[in-house]
Amino acid sequence: MSFPSKEERLNCWGSRDEYWNCLDSKSETECKELRKQYEKFCSPQWVKHFDRKREYLKFKEKIEQEGYVDSHLPKSTV
């Protein structure tokens, strides 16, 4: 696989950003067409990487807002 050109990278990142913005306000079903464009313009490796990155960023945001709770520790009865 050759390295994508600047234009190809910009198309990939742009379609990823549009898809992510859609997901921020709508369901995956409503964003299905944008997902197709995202997969069309980005290589499968990049899609996998970006999907994992989004999951991590959402997890990180949740932890920052709600704090960390260790589900393995017994709940305090104080």
PDB file of N, CA and C in Angstrom:
ATOM      1  N   MET A   1       0.842  -1.182   0.000  1.00  0.00           N
ATOM      2  CA  MET A   1       0.000   0.000   0.000  1.00  0.00           C
ATOM      3  C   MET A   1       0.883   1.240   0.000  1.00  0.00           C
ATOM      4  N   SER A   2       0.594   2.162  -0.884  1.00  0.00           N
ATOM      5  CA  SER A   2       1.356   3.406  -0.932  1.00  0.00           C
ATOM      6  C   SER A   2       0.766   4.411   0.052  1.00  0.00           C
ATOM      7  N   PHE A   3       1.603   5.358   0.435  1.00  0.00           N
ATOM      8  CA  PHE A   3       1.150   6.386   1.367  1.00  0.00           C
ATOM      9  C   PHE A   3       0.174   7.312   0.658  1.00  0.00           C
ATOM     10  N   PRO A   4      -0.943   7.662   1.278  1.00  0.00           N
ATOM     11  CA  PRO A   4      -1.928   8.528   0.616  1.00  0.00           C
ATOM     12  C   PRO A   4      -1.386   9.939   0.383  1.00  0.00           C
ATOM     13  N   SER A   5      -1.880  10.534  -0.675  1.00  0.00           N
ATOM     14  CA  SER A   5      -1.489  11.908  -1.001  1.00  0.00           C
ATOM     15  C   SER A   5      -2.132  12.870  -0.008  1.00  0.00           C
ATOM     16  N   LYS A   6      -1.713  14.114  -0.069  1.00  0.00           N
ATOM     17  CA  LYS A   6      -2.276  15.134   0.819  1.00  0.00           C
ATOM     18  C   LYS A   6      -3.784  15.255   0.602  1.00  0.00           C
ATOM     19  N   GLU A   7      -4.202  15.237  -0.639  1.00  0.00           N
ATOM     20  CA  GLU A   7      -5.627  15.341  -0.953  1.00  0.00           C
ATOM     21  C   GLU A   7      -6.400  14.141  -0.396  1.00  0.00           C
ATOM     22  N   GLU A   8      -5.842  12.948  -0.528  1.00  0.00           N
ATOM     23  CA  GLU A   8      -6.490  11.747   0.004  1.00  0.00           C
ATOM     24  C   GLU A   8      -6.603  11.800   1.533  1.00  0.00           C
ATOM     25  N   ARG A   9      -5.552  12.277   2.169  1.00  0.00           N
ATOM     26  CA  ARG A   9      -5.583  12.404   3.635  1.00  0.00           C
ATOM     27  C   ARG A   9      -6.641  13.422   4.062  1.00  0.00           C
ATOM     28  N   LEU A  10      -6.695  14.553   3.372  1.00  0.00           N
ATOM     29  CA  LEU A  10      -7.684  15.578   3.707  1.00  0.00           C
ATOM     30  C   LEU A  10      -9.108  15.063   3.506  1.00  0.00           C
ATOM     31  N   ASN A  11      -9.326  14.287   2.438  1.00  0.00           N
ATOM     32  CA  ASN A  11     -10.640  13.688   2.203  1.00  0.00           C
ATOM     33  C   ASN A  11     -10.994  12.716   3.328  1.00  0.00           C
ATOM     34  N   CYS A  12     -10.023  11.918   3.737  1.00  0.00           N
ATOM     35  CA  CYS A  12     -10.240  10.960   4.825  1.00  0.00           C
ATOM     36  C   CYS A  12     -10.585  11.687   6.114  1.00  0.00           C
ATOM     37  N   TRP A  13      -9.750  12.631   6.496  1.00  0.00           N
ATOM     38  CA  TRP A  13      -9.970  13.348   7.764  1.00  0.00           C
ATOM     39  C   TRP A  13     -11.278  14.129   7.748  1.00  0.00           C
ATOM     40  N   GLY A  14     -11.592  14.719   6.602  1.00  0.00           N
ATOM     41  CA  GLY A  14     -12.841  15.469   6.485  1.00  0.00           C
ATOM     42  C   GLY A  14     -14.057  14.574   6.627  1.00  0.00           C
ATOM     43  N   SER A  15     -14.027  13.419   5.960  1.00  0.00           N
ATOM     44  CA  SER A  15     -15.165  12.498   6.061  1.00  0.00           C
ATOM     45  C   SER A  15     -15.266  11.911   7.462  1.00  0.00           C
ATOM     46  N   ARG A  16     -14.121  11.662   8.107  1.00  0.00           N
ATOM     47  CA  ARG A  16     -14.123  11.191   9.499  1.00  0.00           C
ATOM     48  C   ARG A  16     -14.762  12.233  10.411  1.00  0.00           C
ATOM     49  N   ASP A  17     -14.357  13.492  10.254  1.00  0.00           N
ATOM     50  CA  ASP A  17     -14.884  14.564  11.101  1.00  0.00           C
ATOM     51  C   ASP A  17     -16.394  14.751  10.903  1.00  0.00           C
ATOM     52  N   GLU A  18     -16.855  14.672   9.656  1.00  0.00           N
ATOM     53  CA  GLU A  18     -18.296  14.786   9.395  1.00  0.00           C
ATOM     54  C   GLU A  18     -19.045  13.648  10.072  1.00  0.00           C
ATOM     55  N   TYR A  19     -18.513  12.438   9.966  1.00  0.00           N
ATOM     56  CA  TYR A  19     -19.150  11.278  10.582  1.00  0.00           C
ATOM     57  C   TYR A  19     -19.180  11.428  12.098  1.00  0.00           C
ATOM     58  N   TRP A  20     -18.054  11.797  12.689  1.00  0.00           N
ATOM     59  CA  TRP A  20     -17.987  11.965  14.144  1.00  0.00           C
ATOM     60  C   TRP A  20     -18.950  13.061  14.611  1.00  0.00           C
ATOM     61  N   ASN A  21     -19.016  14.170  13.887  1.00  0.00           N
ATOM     62  CA  ASN A  21     -19.949  15.245  14.248  1.00  0.00           C
ATOM     63  C   ASN A  21     -21.393  14.763  14.207  1.00  0.00           C
ATOM     64  N   CYS A  22     -21.700  13.942  13.212  1.00  0.00           N
ATOM     65  CA  CYS A  22     -23.035  13.375  13.114  1.00  0.00           C
ATOM     66  C   CYS A  22     -23.318  12.489  14.325  1.00  0.00           C
ATOM     67  N   LEU A  23     -22.353  11.642  14.693  1.00  0.00           N
ATOM     68  CA  LEU A  23     -22.539  10.747  15.839  1.00  0.00           C
ATOM     69  C   LEU A  23     -22.733  11.504  17.145  1.00  0.00           C
ATOM     70  N   ASP A  24     -22.178  12.696  17.228  1.00  0.00           N
ATOM     71  CA  ASP A  24     -22.323  13.492  18.445  1.00  0.00           C
ATOM     72  C   ASP A  24     -23.763  13.951  18.671  1.00  0.00           C
ATOM     73  N   SER A  25     -24.558  13.993  17.612  1.00  0.00           N
ATOM     74  CA  SER A  25     -25.931  14.485  17.766  1.00  0.00           C
ATOM     75  C   SER A  25     -27.001  13.521  17.281  1.00  0.00           C
ATOM     76  N   LYS A  26     -26.595  12.438  16.606  1.00  0.00           N
ATOM     77  CA  LYS A  26     -27.572  11.508  16.039  1.00  0.00           C
ATOM     78  C   LYS A  26     -27.137  10.068  16.298  1.00  0.00           C
ATOM     79  N   SER A  27     -27.986   9.137  15.886  1.00  0.00           N
ATOM     80  CA  SER A  27     -27.677   7.714  16.062  1.00  0.00           C
ATOM     81  C   SER A  27     -26.805   7.202  14.913  1.00  0.00           C
ATOM     82  N   GLU A  28     -26.217   6.031  15.114  1.00  0.00           N
ATOM     83  CA  GLU A  28     -25.397   5.417  14.064  1.00  0.00           C
ATOM     84  C   GLU A  28     -26.228   5.174  12.805  1.00  0.00           C
ATOM     85  N   THR A  29     -27.488   4.799  12.990  1.00  0.00           N
ATOM     86  CA  THR A  29     -28.376   4.542  11.852  1.00  0.00           C
ATOM     87  C   THR A  29     -28.556   5.806  11.016  1.00  0.00           C
ATOM     88  N   GLU A  30     -28.726   6.934  11.689  1.00  0.00           N
ATOM     89  CA  GLU A  30     -28.923   8.199  10.980  1.00  0.00           C
ATOM     90  C   GLU A  30     -27.651   8.666  10.274  1.00  0.00           C
ATOM     91  N   CYS A  31     -26.508   8.166  10.707  1.00  0.00           N
ATOM     92  CA  CYS A  31     -25.212   8.581  10.153  1.00  0.00           C
ATOM     93  C   CYS A  31     -24.633   7.541   9.196  1.00  0.00           C
ATOM     94  N   LYS A  32     -25.457   6.578   8.788  1.00  0.00           N
ATOM     95  CA  LYS A  32     -24.977   5.461   7.980  1.00  0.00           C
ATOM     96  C   LYS A  32     -24.314   5.906   6.672  1.00  0.00           C
ATOM     97  N   GLU A  33     -24.894   6.877   5.998  1.00  0.00           N
ATOM     98  CA  GLU A  33     -24.330   7.341   4.724  1.00  0.00           C
ATOM     99  C   GLU A  33     -22.965   8.003   4.935  1.00  0.00           C
ATOM    100  N   LEU A  34     -22.840   8.765   6.030  1.00  0.00           N
ATOM    101  CA  LEU A  34     -21.553   9.391   6.325  1.00  0.00           C
ATOM    102  C   LEU A  34     -20.511   8.331   6.676  1.00  0.00           C
ATOM    103  N   ARG A  35     -20.932   7.247   7.322  1.00  0.00           N
ATOM    104  CA  ARG A  35     -20.017   6.147   7.627  1.00  0.00           C
ATOM    105  C   ARG A  35     -19.503   5.522   6.328  1.00  0.00           C
ATOM    106  N   LYS A  36     -20.366   5.374   5.350  1.00  0.00           N
ATOM    107  CA  LYS A  36     -19.951   4.814   4.052  1.00  0.00           C
ATOM    108  C   LYS A  36     -18.893   5.710   3.402  1.00  0.00           C
ATOM    109  N   GLN A  37     -19.092   7.021   3.464  1.00  0.00           N
ATOM    110  CA  GLN A  37     -18.117   7.956   2.893  1.00  0.00           C
ATOM    111  C   GLN A  37     -16.793   7.876   3.643  1.00  0.00           C
ATOM    112  N   TYR A  38     -16.872   7.805   4.943  1.00  0.00           N
ATOM    113  CA  TYR A  38     -15.687   7.682   5.796  1.00  0.00           C
ATOM    114  C   TYR A  38     -14.898   6.432   5.413  1.00  0.00           C
ATOM    115  N   GLU A  39     -15.583   5.302   5.252  1.00  0.00           N
ATOM    116  CA  GLU A  39     -14.911   4.063   4.876  1.00  0.00           C
ATOM    117  C   GLU A  39     -14.406   4.103   3.436  1.00  0.00           C
ATOM    118  N   LYS A  40     -15.059   4.875   2.601  1.00  0.00           N
ATOM    119  CA  LYS A  40     -14.633   5.009   1.200  1.00  0.00           C
ATOM    120  C   LYS A  40     -13.323   5.794   1.095  1.00  0.00           C
ATOM    121  N   PHE A  41     -13.214   6.862   1.855  1.00  0.00           N
ATOM    122  CA  PHE A  41     -12.055   7.742   1.740  1.00  0.00           C
ATOM    123  C   PHE A  41     -10.870   7.355   2.625  1.00  0.00           C
ATOM    124  N   CYS A  42     -11.091   6.527   3.640  1.00  0.00           N
ATOM    125  CA  CYS A  42     -10.010   6.126   4.547  1.00  0.00           C
ATOM    126  C   CYS A  42      -9.702   4.645   4.367  1.00  0.00           C
ATOM    127  N   SER A  43      -8.435   4.303   4.498  1.00  0.00           N
ATOM    128  CA  SER A  43      -8.054   2.890   4.418  1.00  0.00           C
ATOM    129  C   SER A  43      -8.638   2.144   5.621  1.00  0.00           C
ATOM    130  N   PRO A  44      -8.853   0.849   5.485  1.00  0.00           N
ATOM    131  CA  PRO A  44      -9.395   0.074   6.616  1.00  0.00           C
ATOM    132  C   PRO A  44      -8.559   0.204   7.893  1.00  0.00           C
ATOM    133  N   GLN A  45      -7.244   0.292   7.747  1.00  0.00           N
ATOM    134  CA  GLN A  45      -6.376   0.450   8.921  1.00  0.00           C
ATOM    135  C   GLN A  45      -6.641   1.778   9.607  1.00  0.00           C
ATOM    136  N   TRP A  46      -6.823   2.820   8.830  1.00  0.00           N
ATOM    137  CA  TRP A  46      -7.090   4.142   9.399  1.00  0.00           C
ATOM    138  C   TRP A  46      -8.463   4.172  10.064  1.00  0.00           C
ATOM    139  N   VAL A  47      -9.462   3.543   9.432  1.00  0.00           N
ATOM    140  CA  VAL A  47     -10.808   3.492  10.016  1.00  0.00           C
ATOM    141  C   VAL A  47     -10.740   2.806  11.373  1.00  0.00           C
ATOM    142  N   LYS A  48     -10.047   1.684  11.424  1.00  0.00           N
ATOM    143  CA  LYS A  48      -9.905   0.952  12.686  1.00  0.00           C
ATOM    144  C   LYS A  48      -9.221   1.826  13.745  1.00  0.00           C
ATOM    145  N   HIS A  49      -8.151   2.490  13.344  1.00  0.00           N
ATOM    146  CA  HIS A  49      -7.426   3.370  14.263  1.00  0.00           C
ATOM    147  C   HIS A  49      -8.315   4.512  14.764  1.00  0.00           C
ATOM    148  N   PHE A  50      -9.001   5.187  13.841  1.00  0.00           N
ATOM    149  CA  PHE A  50      -9.844   6.325  14.219  1.00  0.00           C
ATOM    150  C   PHE A  50     -11.029   5.880  15.081  1.00  0.00           C
ATOM    151  N   ASP A  51     -11.608   4.716  14.777  1.00  0.00           N
ATOM    152  CA  ASP A  51     -12.715   4.214  15.592  1.00  0.00           C
ATOM    153  C   ASP A  51     -12.253   3.950  17.022  1.00  0.00           C
ATOM    154  N   ARG A  52     -11.080   3.350  17.161  1.00  0.00           N
ATOM    155  CA  ARG A  52     -10.537   3.098  18.495  1.00  0.00           C
ATOM    156  C   ARG A  52     -10.230   4.408  19.213  1.00  0.00           C
ATOM    157  N   LYS A  53      -9.712   5.384  18.459  1.00  0.00           N
ATOM    158  CA  LYS A  53      -9.395   6.683  19.045  1.00  0.00           C
ATOM    159  C   LYS A  53     -10.669   7.353  19.556  1.00  0.00           C
ATOM    160  N   ARG A  54     -11.746   7.276  18.792  1.00  0.00           N
ATOM    161  CA  ARG A  54     -13.010   7.886  19.234  1.00  0.00           C
ATOM    162  C   ARG A  54     -13.517   7.209  20.496  1.00  0.00           C
ATOM    163  N   GLU A  55     -13.462   5.887  20.535  1.00  0.00           N
ATOM    164  CA  GLU A  55     -13.888   5.164  21.735  1.00  0.00           C
ATOM    165  C   GLU A  55     -13.070   5.608  22.946  1.00  0.00           C
ATOM    166  N   TYR A  56     -11.760   5.726  22.762  1.00  0.00           N
ATOM    167  CA  TYR A  56     -10.891   6.162  23.854  1.00  0.00           C
ATOM    168  C   TYR A  56     -11.243   7.578  24.299  1.00  0.00           C
ATOM    169  N   LEU A  57     -11.433   8.485  23.353  1.00  0.00           N
ATOM    170  CA  LEU A  57     -11.745   9.870  23.701  1.00  0.00           C
ATOM    171  C   LEU A  57     -13.073   9.971  24.440  1.00  0.00           C
ATOM    172  N   LYS A  58     -14.070   9.176  24.027  1.00  0.00           N
ATOM    173  CA  LYS A  58     -15.362   9.178  24.716  1.00  0.00           C
ATOM    174  C   LYS A  58     -15.204   8.611  26.123  1.00  0.00           C
ATOM    175  N   PHE A  59     -14.414   7.552  26.278  1.00  0.00           N
ATOM    176  CA  PHE A  59     -14.152   6.967  27.592  1.00  0.00           C
ATOM    177  C   PHE A  59     -13.444   7.972  28.490  1.00  0.00           C
ATOM    178  N   LYS A  60     -12.431   8.638  27.949  1.00  0.00           N
ATOM    179  CA  LYS A  60     -11.668   9.624  28.704  1.00  0.00           C
ATOM    180  C   LYS A  60     -12.570  10.773  29.158  1.00  0.00           C
ATOM    181  N   GLU A  61     -13.435  11.232  28.267  1.00  0.00           N
ATOM    182  CA  GLU A  61     -14.368  12.315  28.600  1.00  0.00           C
ATOM    183  C   GLU A  61     -15.306  11.886  29.736  1.00  0.00           C
ATOM    184  N   LYS A  62     -15.797  10.664  29.675  1.00  0.00           N
ATOM    185  CA  LYS A  62     -16.690  10.153  30.712  1.00  0.00           C
ATOM    186  C   LYS A  62     -15.971  10.083  32.055  1.00  0.00           C
ATOM    187  N   ILE A  63     -14.737   9.595  32.058  1.00  0.00           N
ATOM    188  CA  ILE A  63     -13.957   9.494  33.293  1.00  0.00           C
ATOM    189  C   ILE A  63     -13.708  10.881  33.875  1.00  0.00           C
ATOM    190  N   GLU A  64     -13.382  11.844  33.022  1.00  0.00           N
ATOM    191  CA  GLU A  64     -13.118  13.202  33.487  1.00  0.00           C
ATOM    192  C   GLU A  64     -14.373  13.842  34.083  1.00  0.00           C
ATOM    193  N   GLN A  65     -15.534  13.524  33.530  1.00  0.00           N
ATOM    194  CA  GLN A  65     -16.784  14.112  34.012  1.00  0.00           C
ATOM    195  C   GLN A  65     -17.316  13.397  35.250  1.00  0.00           C
ATOM    196  N   GLU A  66     -17.254  12.075  35.246  1.00  0.00           N
ATOM    197  CA  GLU A  66     -17.883  11.295  36.311  1.00  0.00           C
ATOM    198  C   GLU A  66     -16.890  10.770  37.340  1.00  0.00           C
ATOM    199  N   GLY A  67     -15.610  10.769  37.005  1.00  0.00           N
ATOM    200  CA  GLY A  67     -14.608  10.203  37.899  1.00  0.00           C
ATOM    201  C   GLY A  67     -14.504   8.706  37.712  1.00  0.00           C
ATOM    202  N   TYR A  68     -13.450   8.161  38.260  1.00  0.00           N
ATOM    203  CA  TYR A  68     -13.194   6.728  38.137  1.00  0.00           C
ATOM    204  C   TYR A  68     -13.862   5.987  39.280  1.00  0.00           C
ATOM    205  N   VAL A  69     -14.559   4.918  38.956  1.00  0.00           N
ATOM    206  CA  VAL A  69     -15.179   4.076  39.965  1.00  0.00           C
ATOM    207  C   VAL A  69     -14.701   2.651  39.725  1.00  0.00           C
ATOM    208  N   ASP A  70     -14.025   2.072  40.707  1.00  0.00           N
ATOM    209  CA  ASP A  70     -13.541   0.698  40.593  1.00  0.00           C
ATOM    210  C   ASP A  70     -14.688  -0.232  40.946  1.00  0.00           C
ATOM    211  N   SER A  71     -15.207  -0.931  39.969  1.00  0.00           N
ATOM    212  CA  SER A  71     -16.357  -1.808  40.185  1.00  0.00           C
ATOM    213  C   SER A  71     -15.990  -3.058  40.973  1.00  0.00           C
ATOM    214  N   HIS A  72     -14.699  -3.291  41.191  1.00  0.00           N
ATOM    215  CA  HIS A  72     -14.271  -4.468  41.935  1.00  0.00           C
ATOM    216  C   HIS A  72     -14.219  -4.221  43.440  1.00  0.00           C
ATOM    217  N   LEU A  73     -14.244  -2.981  43.847  1.00  0.00           N
ATOM    218  CA  LEU A  73     -14.205  -2.675  45.274  1.00  0.00           C
ATOM    219  C   LEU A  73     -15.609  -2.702  45.857  1.00  0.00           C
ATOM    220  N   PRO A  74     -15.741  -3.170  47.108  1.00  0.00           N
ATOM    221  CA  PRO A  74     -17.072  -3.157  47.735  1.00  0.00           C
ATOM    222  C   PRO A  74     -17.536  -1.724  47.950  1.00  0.00           C
ATOM    223  N   LYS A  75     -18.827  -1.509  47.852  1.00  0.00           N
ATOM    224  CA  LYS A  75     -19.377  -0.167  48.073  1.00  0.00           C
ATOM    225  C   LYS A  75     -19.332   0.170  49.545  1.00  0.00           C
ATOM    226  N   SER A  76     -19.023   1.403  49.815  1.00  0.00           N
ATOM    227  CA  SER A  76     -18.944   1.878  51.187  1.00  0.00           C
ATOM    228  C   SER A  76     -20.334   1.972  51.791  1.00  0.00           C
ATOM    229  N   THR A  77     -20.465   1.598  53.034  1.00  0.00           N
ATOM    230  CA  THR A  77     -21.757   1.676  53.709  1.00  0.00           C
ATOM    231  C   THR A  77     -21.767   2.780  54.747  1.00  0.00           C
ATOM    232  N   VAL A  78     -20.951   3.800  54.513  1.00  0.00           N
ATOM    233  CA  VAL A  78     -20.836   4.914  55.473  1.00  0.00           C
ATOM    234  C   VAL A  78     -22.032   5.806  55.385  1.00  0.00           C
TER     235      VAL A  78
END
